[in-house]
Amino acid sequence: MKRLYIILLIILFSLSVNAQVKFKYGISAGLNLSSAILPDLKVNTNINSVLHGDNVIEGSPQLADFVSLYKAGIFMKLDGKIGAAKLNISYTKTNIFKELDTGIFRIKALDILLDYLDFEMSYNLNLSKHFYISAGYIPSILLKHDGNLNINSFDQRLLSGIGFRFGNGLTLDFNAIAGISEIIDGSYIHNLMIPISLNIPLN
């Protein structure tokens, strides 16, 4: 895993290495729309179907409810002609929340609050003077969570999105982030986030 981080960093930062590269740093903060990809599993009770090779467990994924939380941190980036390689270290609050409608009343099936330290490694490719697209990888360390569930201490996510660059150097990111690691081993639950972040340069 460490080798993967090193290779990704080399690729991301080498994309910005040219004669006019500039190092910038600053703070970032924003809204984090938090959700999760959940399993929707049903037991196949048709014995004949199972004997013919069909799955015993079947179903399709569903989404947890979206909850508005926040993220805040610092960023460093190498700004070049075609784009910027960026490292954003941030404190991110997420919530996996799901209510089920029984037809008579609604019950709370899931309500897990998670705090992460994210190491967001991304590359912003310029589309124009003001717009850019982003892609990246985010290893995350779980800082704390509520409840007695055995939550994995490490999470991995993929990022894609679009951003807007203001004339004064401020940037606004609209990203979609999907987890590629399970929150709990064998649970099929993966983090899903839509953060909207304002990045304020300090140099």
N, C-alpha and C. Protein backbone atom coordinates (compact mmCIF):
# COMPACT_ATOMS: atom_id res chain seq x y z
N MET A 1 0.82 -1.20 0.00
CA MET A 1 0.00 0.00 0.00
C MET A 1 0.87 1.27 0.00
N LYS A 2 1.99 1.23 0.75
CA LYS A 2 2.87 2.41 0.79
C LYS A 2 3.45 2.70 -0.59
N ARG A 3 3.76 1.63 -1.32
CA ARG A 3 4.30 1.81 -2.68
C ARG A 3 3.28 2.50 -3.57
N LEU A 4 2.01 2.13 -3.41
CA LEU A 4 0.95 2.74 -4.21
C LEU A 4 0.88 4.24 -3.94
N TYR A 5 0.98 4.65 -2.67
CA TYR A 5 0.96 6.08 -2.32
C TYR A 5 2.11 6.81 -2.99
N ILE A 6 3.30 6.21 -2.92
CA ILE A 6 4.48 6.87 -3.49
C ILE A 6 4.34 7.03 -5.00
N ILE A 7 3.86 5.96 -5.68
CA ILE A 7 3.68 6.02 -7.13
C ILE A 7 2.65 7.08 -7.51
N LEU A 8 1.54 7.13 -6.77
CA LEU A 8 0.51 8.13 -7.06
C LEU A 8 1.04 9.55 -6.87
N LEU A 9 1.80 9.77 -5.81
CA LEU A 9 2.35 11.10 -5.57
C LEU A 9 3.31 11.51 -6.67
N ILE A 10 4.14 10.57 -7.11
CA ILE A 10 5.09 10.87 -8.18
C ILE A 10 4.36 11.24 -9.46
N ILE A 11 3.31 10.46 -9.80
CA ILE A 11 2.55 10.73 -11.02
C ILE A 11 1.86 12.08 -10.95
N LEU A 12 1.16 12.34 -9.83
CA LEU A 12 0.39 13.58 -9.68
C LEU A 12 1.29 14.81 -9.74
N PHE A 13 2.40 14.77 -9.02
CA PHE A 13 3.25 15.95 -8.96
C PHE A 13 4.11 16.12 -10.20
N SER A 14 4.44 15.03 -10.88
CA SER A 14 5.23 15.16 -12.10
C SER A 14 4.41 15.80 -13.22
N LEU A 15 3.07 15.66 -13.17
CA LEU A 15 2.22 16.28 -14.19
C LEU A 15 2.30 17.80 -14.15
N SER A 16 2.67 18.36 -13.00
CA SER A 16 2.72 19.81 -12.88
C SER A 16 4.13 20.39 -12.98
N VAL A 17 5.12 19.55 -13.15
CA VAL A 17 6.49 20.04 -13.20
C VAL A 17 6.79 20.67 -14.56
N ASN A 18 6.96 21.98 -14.58
CA ASN A 18 7.40 22.70 -15.78
C ASN A 18 8.04 24.00 -15.34
N ALA A 19 8.46 24.82 -16.29
CA ALA A 19 9.24 26.02 -15.97
C ALA A 19 8.46 27.03 -15.15
N GLN A 20 7.13 26.99 -15.19
CA GLN A 20 6.34 28.00 -14.52
C GLN A 20 5.54 27.44 -13.34
N VAL A 21 6.00 26.34 -12.78
CA VAL A 21 5.28 25.74 -11.67
C VAL A 21 5.36 26.65 -10.44
N LYS A 22 4.25 26.75 -9.70
CA LYS A 22 4.19 27.58 -8.50
C LYS A 22 3.66 26.76 -7.33
N PHE A 23 4.29 26.92 -6.18
CA PHE A 23 3.82 26.24 -4.97
C PHE A 23 2.85 27.15 -4.23
N LYS A 24 1.69 26.63 -3.90
CA LYS A 24 0.69 27.40 -3.17
C LYS A 24 0.16 26.58 -2.00
N TYR A 25 -0.30 27.27 -0.98
CA TYR A 25 -0.89 26.60 0.17
C TYR A 25 -2.00 27.47 0.73
N GLY A 26 -2.86 26.87 1.56
CA GLY A 26 -3.95 27.65 2.13
C GLY A 26 -4.86 26.78 2.98
N ILE A 27 -6.05 27.29 3.24
CA ILE A 27 -7.04 26.58 4.06
C ILE A 27 -8.26 26.29 3.21
N SER A 28 -8.98 25.25 3.57
CA SER A 28 -10.20 24.90 2.85
C SER A 28 -11.28 24.50 3.85
N ALA A 29 -12.51 24.75 3.49
CA ALA A 29 -13.65 24.39 4.34
C ALA A 29 -14.89 24.31 3.47
N GLY A 30 -15.84 23.52 3.93
CA GLY A 30 -17.06 23.44 3.14
C GLY A 30 -18.09 22.48 3.70
N LEU A 31 -19.14 22.32 2.93
CA LEU A 31 -20.25 21.44 3.25
C LEU A 31 -19.95 20.03 2.74
N ASN A 32 -20.26 19.03 3.55
CA ASN A 32 -20.06 17.64 3.13
C ASN A 32 -21.39 16.91 3.19
N LEU A 33 -21.97 16.61 2.01
CA LEU A 33 -23.19 15.81 1.95
C LEU A 33 -22.79 14.35 2.08
N SER A 34 -23.12 13.76 3.21
CA SER A 34 -22.63 12.43 3.55
C SER A 34 -23.72 11.39 3.35
N SER A 35 -23.33 10.25 2.76
CA SER A 35 -24.24 9.12 2.58
C SER A 35 -23.42 7.85 2.54
N ALA A 36 -23.99 6.76 2.05
CA ALA A 36 -23.26 5.50 1.94
C ALA A 36 -23.98 4.60 0.95
N ILE A 37 -23.22 3.69 0.36
CA ILE A 37 -23.79 2.65 -0.48
C ILE A 37 -24.06 1.44 0.42
N LEU A 38 -25.32 1.04 0.51
CA LEU A 38 -25.74 -0.03 1.41
C LEU A 38 -26.19 -1.25 0.61
N PRO A 39 -26.07 -2.44 1.20
CA PRO A 39 -26.61 -3.63 0.53
C PRO A 39 -28.13 -3.67 0.68
N ASP A 40 -28.80 -4.24 -0.29
CA ASP A 40 -30.23 -4.48 -0.20
C ASP A 40 -30.42 -5.98 -0.49
N LEU A 41 -30.21 -6.78 0.54
CA LEU A 41 -30.13 -8.22 0.35
C LEU A 41 -31.44 -8.91 0.69
N LYS A 42 -31.78 -9.90 -0.10
CA LYS A 42 -32.97 -10.72 0.14
C LYS A 42 -32.57 -12.19 0.00
N VAL A 43 -33.22 -13.03 0.78
CA VAL A 43 -32.93 -14.46 0.73
C VAL A 43 -33.79 -15.10 -0.35
N ASN A 44 -33.14 -15.85 -1.24
CA ASN A 44 -33.85 -16.58 -2.29
C ASN A 44 -34.39 -17.87 -1.68
N THR A 45 -35.71 -17.93 -1.47
CA THR A 45 -36.32 -19.09 -0.80
C THR A 45 -36.78 -20.17 -1.79
N ASN A 46 -36.54 -19.93 -3.06
CA ASN A 46 -36.93 -20.91 -4.08
C ASN A 46 -35.84 -21.99 -4.18
N ILE A 47 -36.10 -23.16 -3.55
CA ILE A 47 -35.10 -24.21 -3.50
C ILE A 47 -34.71 -24.69 -4.89
N ASN A 48 -35.68 -24.80 -5.75
CA ASN A 48 -35.42 -25.25 -7.12
C ASN A 48 -34.48 -24.29 -7.84
N SER A 49 -34.68 -22.98 -7.61
CA SER A 49 -33.83 -21.96 -8.21
C SER A 49 -32.41 -22.08 -7.70
N VAL A 50 -32.26 -22.30 -6.39
CA VAL A 50 -30.94 -22.42 -5.78
C VAL A 50 -30.22 -23.66 -6.31
N LEU A 51 -30.97 -24.79 -6.47
CA LEU A 51 -30.37 -26.02 -6.96
C LEU A 51 -29.89 -25.89 -8.40
N HIS A 52 -30.49 -24.94 -9.12
CA HIS A 52 -30.08 -24.71 -10.52
C HIS A 52 -28.97 -23.66 -10.63
N GLY A 53 -28.39 -23.30 -9.50
CA GLY A 53 -27.20 -22.45 -9.53
C GLY A 53 -27.43 -20.98 -9.24
N ASP A 54 -28.68 -20.58 -8.95
CA ASP A 54 -28.94 -19.17 -8.63
C ASP A 54 -28.42 -18.85 -7.23
N ASN A 55 -28.21 -17.55 -6.97
CA ASN A 55 -27.67 -17.12 -5.68
C ASN A 55 -28.67 -17.34 -4.55
N VAL A 56 -28.14 -17.72 -3.38
CA VAL A 56 -28.99 -17.83 -2.20
C VAL A 56 -29.37 -16.44 -1.71
N ILE A 57 -28.39 -15.54 -1.78
CA ILE A 57 -28.63 -14.14 -1.40
C ILE A 57 -28.67 -13.30 -2.67
N GLU A 58 -29.71 -12.51 -2.84
CA GLU A 58 -29.81 -11.67 -4.03
C GLU A 58 -30.31 -10.29 -3.63
N GLY A 59 -30.14 -9.34 -4.51
CA GLY A 59 -30.57 -7.98 -4.23
C GLY A 59 -29.67 -6.99 -4.93
N SER A 60 -29.97 -5.72 -4.81
CA SER A 60 -29.19 -4.67 -5.45
C SER A 60 -28.87 -3.59 -4.43
N PRO A 61 -27.76 -2.87 -4.62
CA PRO A 61 -27.38 -1.83 -3.65
C PRO A 61 -28.40 -0.69 -3.58
N GLN A 62 -28.44 -0.03 -2.45
CA GLN A 62 -29.27 1.15 -2.27
C GLN A 62 -28.44 2.22 -1.57
N LEU A 63 -28.99 3.42 -1.48
CA LEU A 63 -28.27 4.53 -0.86
C LEU A 63 -28.83 4.83 0.53
N ALA A 64 -27.93 5.21 1.43
CA ALA A 64 -28.37 5.76 2.70
C ALA A 64 -28.87 7.18 2.46
N ASP A 65 -29.55 7.75 3.44
CA ASP A 65 -30.03 9.13 3.32
C ASP A 65 -28.83 10.08 3.31
N PHE A 66 -28.99 11.23 2.64
CA PHE A 66 -27.94 12.25 2.62
C PHE A 66 -28.09 13.15 3.85
N VAL A 67 -26.97 13.37 4.53
CA VAL A 67 -26.93 14.21 5.73
C VAL A 67 -25.92 15.32 5.51
N SER A 68 -26.27 16.55 5.87
CA SER A 68 -25.38 17.70 5.69
C SER A 68 -24.44 17.83 6.88
N LEU A 69 -23.13 17.69 6.62
CA LEU A 69 -22.11 17.86 7.65
C LEU A 69 -21.02 18.79 7.11
N TYR A 70 -19.80 18.67 7.58
CA TYR A 70 -18.78 19.62 7.15
C TYR A 70 -17.41 18.97 7.04
N LYS A 71 -16.48 19.68 6.38
CA LYS A 71 -15.08 19.29 6.34
C LYS A 71 -14.24 20.56 6.38
N ALA A 72 -13.04 20.47 6.92
CA ALA A 72 -12.14 21.63 7.00
C ALA A 72 -10.71 21.13 7.08
N GLY A 73 -9.78 21.91 6.48
CA GLY A 73 -8.40 21.49 6.52
C GLY A 73 -7.46 22.47 5.84
N ILE A 74 -6.32 21.96 5.43
CA ILE A 74 -5.31 22.75 4.75
C ILE A 74 -4.99 22.09 3.41
N PHE A 75 -4.47 22.87 2.47
CA PHE A 75 -4.08 22.29 1.19
C PHE A 75 -2.72 22.83 0.75
N MET A 76 -2.05 22.03 -0.06
CA MET A 76 -0.80 22.42 -0.72
C MET A 76 -0.91 21.96 -2.17
N LYS A 77 -0.44 22.79 -3.09
CA LYS A 77 -0.51 22.37 -4.49
C LYS A 77 0.61 22.98 -5.31
N LEU A 78 0.92 22.27 -6.40
CA LEU A 78 1.86 22.75 -7.40
C LEU A 78 1.04 23.16 -8.61
N ASP A 79 1.04 24.45 -8.89
CA ASP A 79 0.23 25.01 -9.97
C ASP A 79 1.07 25.14 -11.23
N GLY A 80 0.64 24.51 -12.32
CA GLY A 80 1.35 24.58 -13.58
C GLY A 80 0.48 25.10 -14.70
N LYS A 81 0.97 25.00 -15.92
CA LYS A 81 0.24 25.53 -17.07
C LYS A 81 -1.03 24.75 -17.36
N ILE A 82 -0.95 23.43 -17.29
CA ILE A 82 -2.13 22.63 -17.67
C ILE A 82 -2.99 22.23 -16.49
N GLY A 83 -2.49 22.43 -15.28
CA GLY A 83 -3.28 22.05 -14.12
C GLY A 83 -2.48 22.15 -12.84
N ALA A 84 -2.98 21.48 -11.80
CA ALA A 84 -2.33 21.55 -10.50
C ALA A 84 -2.42 20.22 -9.78
N ALA A 85 -1.30 19.78 -9.20
CA ALA A 85 -1.27 18.61 -8.33
C ALA A 85 -1.52 19.11 -6.90
N LYS A 86 -2.45 18.47 -6.22
CA LYS A 86 -2.91 19.02 -4.94
C LYS A 86 -2.97 17.95 -3.85
N LEU A 87 -2.54 18.34 -2.65
CA LEU A 87 -2.69 17.52 -1.46
C LEU A 87 -3.53 18.31 -0.46
N ASN A 88 -4.66 17.73 -0.08
CA ASN A 88 -5.56 18.38 0.87
C ASN A 88 -5.69 17.47 2.10
N ILE A 89 -5.28 17.98 3.26
CA ILE A 89 -5.41 17.22 4.51
C ILE A 89 -6.55 17.84 5.29
N SER A 90 -7.60 17.06 5.52
CA SER A 90 -8.79 17.65 6.12
C SER A 90 -9.45 16.74 7.15
N TYR A 91 -10.13 17.40 8.08
CA TYR A 91 -10.97 16.72 9.07
C TYR A 91 -12.37 16.66 8.48
N THR A 92 -12.91 15.44 8.32
CA THR A 92 -14.18 15.25 7.64
C THR A 92 -15.17 14.50 8.51
N LYS A 93 -16.35 15.06 8.70
CA LYS A 93 -17.41 14.40 9.46
C LYS A 93 -18.41 13.78 8.47
N THR A 94 -18.73 12.52 8.71
CA THR A 94 -19.70 11.82 7.87
C THR A 94 -20.75 11.14 8.76
N ASN A 95 -21.89 10.84 8.15
CA ASN A 95 -22.96 10.18 8.89
C ASN A 95 -23.63 9.17 7.96
N ILE A 96 -23.69 7.92 8.39
CA ILE A 96 -24.42 6.89 7.64
C ILE A 96 -25.77 6.73 8.31
N PHE A 97 -26.79 7.25 7.67
CA PHE A 97 -28.13 7.32 8.28
C PHE A 97 -29.16 6.72 7.33
N LYS A 98 -30.01 5.84 7.87
CA LYS A 98 -31.04 5.22 7.04
C LYS A 98 -32.30 4.96 7.86
N GLU A 99 -33.43 5.45 7.34
CA GLU A 99 -34.73 5.17 7.93
C GLU A 99 -35.51 4.23 7.03
N LEU A 100 -36.27 3.31 7.61
CA LEU A 100 -37.10 2.39 6.86
C LEU A 100 -38.57 2.68 7.12
N ASP A 101 -39.36 2.64 6.08
CA ASP A 101 -40.79 2.88 6.18
C ASP A 101 -41.50 1.53 6.26
N THR A 102 -42.11 1.24 7.39
CA THR A 102 -42.81 -0.03 7.58
C THR A 102 -44.23 -0.01 7.06
N GLY A 103 -44.68 1.18 6.62
CA GLY A 103 -46.05 1.34 6.19
C GLY A 103 -46.92 1.95 7.27
N ILE A 104 -46.55 1.75 8.51
CA ILE A 104 -47.28 2.33 9.65
C ILE A 104 -46.46 3.44 10.28
N PHE A 105 -45.15 3.21 10.44
CA PHE A 105 -44.25 4.22 11.00
C PHE A 105 -42.86 4.00 10.43
N ARG A 106 -42.00 4.98 10.65
CA ARG A 106 -40.62 4.89 10.16
C ARG A 106 -39.70 4.52 11.32
N ILE A 107 -38.74 3.62 11.05
CA ILE A 107 -37.78 3.22 12.07
C ILE A 107 -36.37 3.55 11.60
N LYS A 108 -35.50 3.87 12.55
CA LYS A 108 -34.11 4.20 12.24
C LYS A 108 -33.31 2.90 12.17
N ALA A 109 -32.86 2.57 10.96
CA ALA A 109 -32.10 1.33 10.75
C ALA A 109 -30.61 1.53 11.00
N LEU A 110 -30.09 2.71 10.61
CA LEU A 110 -28.67 3.00 10.78
C LEU A 110 -28.50 4.46 11.18
N ASP A 111 -27.56 4.71 12.07
CA ASP A 111 -27.20 6.09 12.42
C ASP A 111 -25.78 6.06 12.98
N ILE A 112 -24.79 6.08 12.08
CA ILE A 112 -23.38 5.97 12.48
C ILE A 112 -22.68 7.29 12.15
N LEU A 113 -22.10 7.95 13.15
CA LEU A 113 -21.36 9.19 12.96
C LEU A 113 -19.87 8.87 12.96
N LEU A 114 -19.17 9.31 11.89
CA LEU A 114 -17.76 8.97 11.70
C LEU A 114 -16.93 10.23 11.49
N ASP A 115 -15.77 10.29 12.13
CA ASP A 115 -14.83 11.40 11.94
C ASP A 115 -13.54 10.86 11.34
N TYR A 116 -13.13 11.45 10.19
CA TYR A 116 -11.95 10.97 9.48
C TYR A 116 -10.91 12.08 9.32
N LEU A 117 -9.65 11.66 9.21
CA LEU A 117 -8.58 12.53 8.74
C LEU A 117 -8.26 12.07 7.33
N ASP A 118 -8.60 12.92 6.34
CA ASP A 118 -8.45 12.57 4.93
C ASP A 118 -7.14 13.12 4.36
N PHE A 119 -6.49 12.31 3.52
CA PHE A 119 -5.30 12.74 2.78
C PHE A 119 -5.66 12.69 1.30
N GLU A 120 -6.23 13.77 0.82
CA GLU A 120 -6.77 13.82 -0.55
C GLU A 120 -5.68 14.20 -1.54
N MET A 121 -5.33 13.25 -2.41
CA MET A 121 -4.32 13.48 -3.45
C MET A 121 -5.04 13.55 -4.79
N SER A 122 -4.98 14.69 -5.44
CA SER A 122 -5.75 14.86 -6.68
C SER A 122 -4.97 15.68 -7.70
N TYR A 123 -5.46 15.63 -8.93
CA TYR A 123 -4.91 16.48 -9.98
C TYR A 123 -6.05 17.25 -10.62
N ASN A 124 -5.88 18.58 -10.74
CA ASN A 124 -6.87 19.45 -11.36
C ASN A 124 -6.40 19.79 -12.77
N LEU A 125 -7.13 19.34 -13.77
CA LEU A 125 -6.77 19.60 -15.17
C LEU A 125 -7.59 20.78 -15.69
N ASN A 126 -6.89 21.83 -16.15
CA ASN A 126 -7.57 23.04 -16.60
C ASN A 126 -8.36 22.79 -17.89
N LEU A 127 -9.62 23.24 -17.88
CA LEU A 127 -10.44 23.24 -19.09
C LEU A 127 -10.46 24.61 -19.74
N SER A 128 -10.35 25.63 -18.90
CA SER A 128 -10.32 27.01 -19.35
C SER A 128 -9.65 27.84 -18.27
N LYS A 129 -9.73 29.15 -18.39
CA LYS A 129 -9.13 30.03 -17.40
C LYS A 129 -9.74 29.82 -16.02
N HIS A 130 -11.03 29.53 -15.98
CA HIS A 130 -11.73 29.44 -14.70
C HIS A 130 -12.17 28.03 -14.32
N PHE A 131 -12.36 27.13 -15.26
CA PHE A 131 -12.89 25.81 -14.95
C PHE A 131 -11.82 24.72 -15.06
N TYR A 132 -11.93 23.72 -14.19
CA TYR A 132 -11.04 22.56 -14.23
C TYR A 132 -11.80 21.32 -13.75
N ILE A 133 -11.29 20.15 -14.15
CA ILE A 133 -11.85 18.89 -13.66
C ILE A 133 -10.82 18.23 -12.75
N SER A 134 -11.31 17.41 -11.82
CA SER A 134 -10.43 16.80 -10.82
C SER A 134 -10.61 15.29 -10.77
N ALA A 135 -9.53 14.62 -10.43
CA ALA A 135 -9.56 13.18 -10.18
C ALA A 135 -8.50 12.88 -9.13
N GLY A 136 -8.78 11.90 -8.27
CA GLY A 136 -7.80 11.61 -7.24
C GLY A 136 -8.13 10.41 -6.38
N TYR A 137 -7.27 10.21 -5.41
CA TYR A 137 -7.35 9.07 -4.48
C TYR A 137 -7.24 9.60 -3.06
N ILE A 138 -8.05 9.04 -2.13
CA ILE A 138 -8.09 9.54 -0.76
C ILE A 138 -7.95 8.39 0.24
N PRO A 139 -6.78 8.21 0.84
CA PRO A 139 -6.68 7.33 2.01
C PRO A 139 -7.12 8.10 3.25
N SER A 140 -7.90 7.46 4.12
CA SER A 140 -8.45 8.15 5.29
C SER A 140 -8.26 7.33 6.55
N ILE A 141 -7.97 8.02 7.63
CA ILE A 141 -7.81 7.39 8.93
C ILE A 141 -9.01 7.74 9.81
N LEU A 142 -9.64 6.73 10.39
CA LEU A 142 -10.78 6.96 11.28
C LEU A 142 -10.27 7.50 12.61
N LEU A 143 -10.76 8.68 13.00
CA LEU A 143 -10.36 9.29 14.27
C LEU A 143 -11.26 8.85 15.42
N LYS A 144 -12.57 8.81 15.16
CA LYS A 144 -13.50 8.35 16.19
C LYS A 144 -14.85 8.06 15.54
N HIS A 145 -15.67 7.31 16.26
CA HIS A 145 -17.03 7.03 15.80
C HIS A 145 -17.89 6.72 17.02
N ASP A 146 -19.19 6.87 16.86
CA ASP A 146 -20.09 6.57 17.96
C ASP A 146 -20.57 5.12 17.87
N GLY A 147 -21.04 4.58 18.98
CA GLY A 147 -21.57 3.22 19.00
C GLY A 147 -20.51 2.17 19.25
N ASN A 148 -20.95 0.91 19.26
CA ASN A 148 -20.07 -0.21 19.58
C ASN A 148 -19.72 -1.06 18.37
N LEU A 149 -19.99 -0.56 17.17
CA LEU A 149 -19.68 -1.32 15.96
C LEU A 149 -18.18 -1.36 15.71
N ASN A 150 -17.72 -2.42 15.08
CA ASN A 150 -16.30 -2.60 14.78
C ASN A 150 -15.99 -1.95 13.43
N ILE A 151 -15.86 -0.62 13.42
CA ILE A 151 -15.61 0.14 12.20
C ILE A 151 -14.13 0.02 11.81
N ASN A 152 -13.87 -0.19 10.53
CA ASN A 152 -12.48 -0.26 10.07
C ASN A 152 -11.77 1.08 10.31
N SER A 153 -10.53 1.00 10.73
CA SER A 153 -9.77 2.21 11.07
C SER A 153 -9.22 2.92 9.84
N PHE A 154 -9.33 2.29 8.66
CA PHE A 154 -8.77 2.85 7.43
C PHE A 154 -9.80 2.76 6.32
N ASP A 155 -9.92 3.83 5.53
CA ASP A 155 -10.85 3.86 4.41
C ASP A 155 -10.11 4.34 3.17
N GLN A 156 -10.56 3.91 2.00
CA GLN A 156 -10.00 4.35 0.73
C GLN A 156 -11.13 4.82 -0.17
N ARG A 157 -10.91 5.95 -0.85
CA ARG A 157 -11.97 6.50 -1.71
C ARG A 157 -11.38 7.04 -3.00
N LEU A 158 -12.23 7.11 -4.02
CA LEU A 158 -11.87 7.71 -5.30
C LEU A 158 -12.66 8.99 -5.48
N LEU A 159 -12.02 9.99 -6.09
CA LEU A 159 -12.61 11.32 -6.24
C LEU A 159 -12.71 11.71 -7.70
N SER A 160 -13.80 12.37 -8.06
CA SER A 160 -13.92 13.04 -9.36
C SER A 160 -14.76 14.28 -9.15
N GLY A 161 -14.57 15.29 -9.99
CA GLY A 161 -15.35 16.50 -9.79
C GLY A 161 -14.98 17.61 -10.75
N ILE A 162 -15.55 18.76 -10.49
CA ILE A 162 -15.30 19.96 -11.30
C ILE A 162 -15.09 21.13 -10.35
N GLY A 163 -14.29 22.09 -10.78
CA GLY A 163 -14.00 23.24 -9.93
C GLY A 163 -14.05 24.54 -10.71
N PHE A 164 -14.17 25.63 -9.93
CA PHE A 164 -14.20 26.98 -10.52
C PHE A 164 -13.13 27.82 -9.84
N ARG A 165 -12.33 28.52 -10.63
CA ARG A 165 -11.25 29.37 -10.13
C ARG A 165 -11.65 30.83 -10.28
N PHE A 166 -11.69 31.55 -9.16
CA PHE A 166 -12.00 32.98 -9.17
C PHE A 166 -10.74 33.78 -9.53
N GLY A 167 -10.93 35.03 -9.90
CA GLY A 167 -9.82 35.88 -10.31
C GLY A 167 -8.84 36.17 -9.19
N ASN A 168 -9.30 36.12 -7.93
CA ASN A 168 -8.42 36.43 -6.80
C ASN A 168 -7.69 35.20 -6.26
N GLY A 169 -7.81 34.06 -6.95
CA GLY A 169 -7.10 32.85 -6.53
C GLY A 169 -7.93 31.86 -5.75
N LEU A 170 -9.10 32.28 -5.28
CA LEU A 170 -10.00 31.35 -4.59
C LEU A 170 -10.49 30.29 -5.57
N THR A 171 -10.68 29.07 -5.08
CA THR A 171 -11.26 28.02 -5.91
C THR A 171 -12.42 27.37 -5.18
N LEU A 172 -13.40 26.91 -5.95
CA LEU A 172 -14.58 26.24 -5.41
C LEU A 172 -14.67 24.87 -6.05
N ASP A 173 -14.67 23.82 -5.23
CA ASP A 173 -14.69 22.44 -5.73
C ASP A 173 -16.04 21.79 -5.50
N PHE A 174 -16.54 21.11 -6.53
CA PHE A 174 -17.75 20.28 -6.43
C PHE A 174 -17.31 18.84 -6.76
N ASN A 175 -17.24 17.97 -5.76
CA ASN A 175 -16.70 16.63 -5.97
C ASN A 175 -17.71 15.54 -5.63
N ALA A 176 -17.49 14.39 -6.21
CA ALA A 176 -18.20 13.17 -5.86
C ALA A 176 -17.16 12.15 -5.41
N ILE A 177 -17.34 11.58 -4.21
CA ILE A 177 -16.34 10.69 -3.63
C ILE A 177 -17.00 9.37 -3.25
N ALA A 178 -16.45 8.28 -3.75
CA ALA A 178 -17.00 6.95 -3.48
C ALA A 178 -15.96 6.07 -2.81
N GLY A 179 -16.34 5.42 -1.73
CA GLY A 179 -15.42 4.54 -1.02
C GLY A 179 -15.22 3.23 -1.76
N ILE A 180 -13.99 2.72 -1.73
CA ILE A 180 -13.69 1.43 -2.33
C ILE A 180 -13.36 0.39 -1.26
N SER A 181 -13.42 0.79 0.01
CA SER A 181 -13.22 -0.11 1.13
C SER A 181 -14.51 -0.21 1.94
N GLU A 182 -14.76 -1.37 2.52
CA GLU A 182 -15.94 -1.54 3.36
C GLU A 182 -15.75 -0.83 4.70
N ILE A 183 -16.81 -0.21 5.19
CA ILE A 183 -16.76 0.44 6.50
C ILE A 183 -16.60 -0.60 7.61
N ILE A 184 -17.34 -1.70 7.47
CA ILE A 184 -17.25 -2.84 8.39
C ILE A 184 -17.00 -4.07 7.53
N ASP A 185 -16.04 -4.89 7.88
CA ASP A 185 -15.71 -6.08 7.08
C ASP A 185 -16.95 -6.95 6.88
N GLY A 186 -17.22 -7.30 5.62
CA GLY A 186 -18.36 -8.16 5.31
C GLY A 186 -19.71 -7.47 5.30
N SER A 187 -19.72 -6.14 5.43
CA SER A 187 -21.00 -5.42 5.51
C SER A 187 -21.48 -4.92 4.15
N TYR A 188 -20.59 -4.82 3.17
CA TYR A 188 -20.88 -4.26 1.85
C TYR A 188 -21.21 -2.76 1.91
N ILE A 189 -20.96 -2.12 3.06
CA ILE A 189 -21.25 -0.70 3.21
C ILE A 189 -20.01 0.11 2.82
N HIS A 190 -20.20 1.07 1.90
CA HIS A 190 -19.11 1.93 1.45
C HIS A 190 -19.50 3.40 1.61
N ASN A 191 -18.55 4.21 2.04
CA ASN A 191 -18.80 5.65 2.17
C ASN A 191 -19.11 6.29 0.82
N LEU A 192 -19.98 7.27 0.85
CA LEU A 192 -20.31 8.06 -0.34
C LEU A 192 -20.47 9.51 0.12
N MET A 193 -19.78 10.44 -0.54
CA MET A 193 -19.81 11.85 -0.12
C MET A 193 -19.86 12.78 -1.33
N ILE A 194 -20.51 13.92 -1.12
CA ILE A 194 -20.52 14.98 -2.13
C ILE A 194 -20.11 16.28 -1.42
N PRO A 195 -18.81 16.54 -1.31
CA PRO A 195 -18.36 17.77 -0.65
C PRO A 195 -18.33 18.97 -1.61
N ILE A 196 -18.65 20.12 -1.06
CA ILE A 196 -18.53 21.40 -1.78
C ILE A 196 -17.58 22.25 -0.94
N SER A 197 -16.39 22.52 -1.47
CA SER A 197 -15.34 23.14 -0.66
C SER A 197 -14.83 24.44 -1.27
N LEU A 198 -14.59 25.42 -0.40
CA LEU A 198 -13.95 26.68 -0.80
C LEU A 198 -12.50 26.63 -0.35
N ASN A 199 -11.59 26.86 -1.28
CA ASN A 199 -10.15 26.84 -0.99
C ASN A 199 -9.59 28.26 -1.02
N ILE A 200 -9.00 28.68 0.09
CA ILE A 200 -8.51 30.05 0.24
C ILE A 200 -6.99 30.03 0.30
N PRO A 201 -6.30 30.53 -0.75
CA PRO A 201 -4.82 30.55 -0.73
C PRO A 201 -4.30 31.57 0.27
N LEU A 202 -3.17 31.25 0.90
CA LEU A 202 -2.53 32.15 1.87
C LEU A 202 -1.22 32.73 1.36
N ASN A 203 -0.85 32.40 0.12
CA ASN A 203 0.37 32.97 -0.46
C ASN A 203 0.15 33.34 -1.91
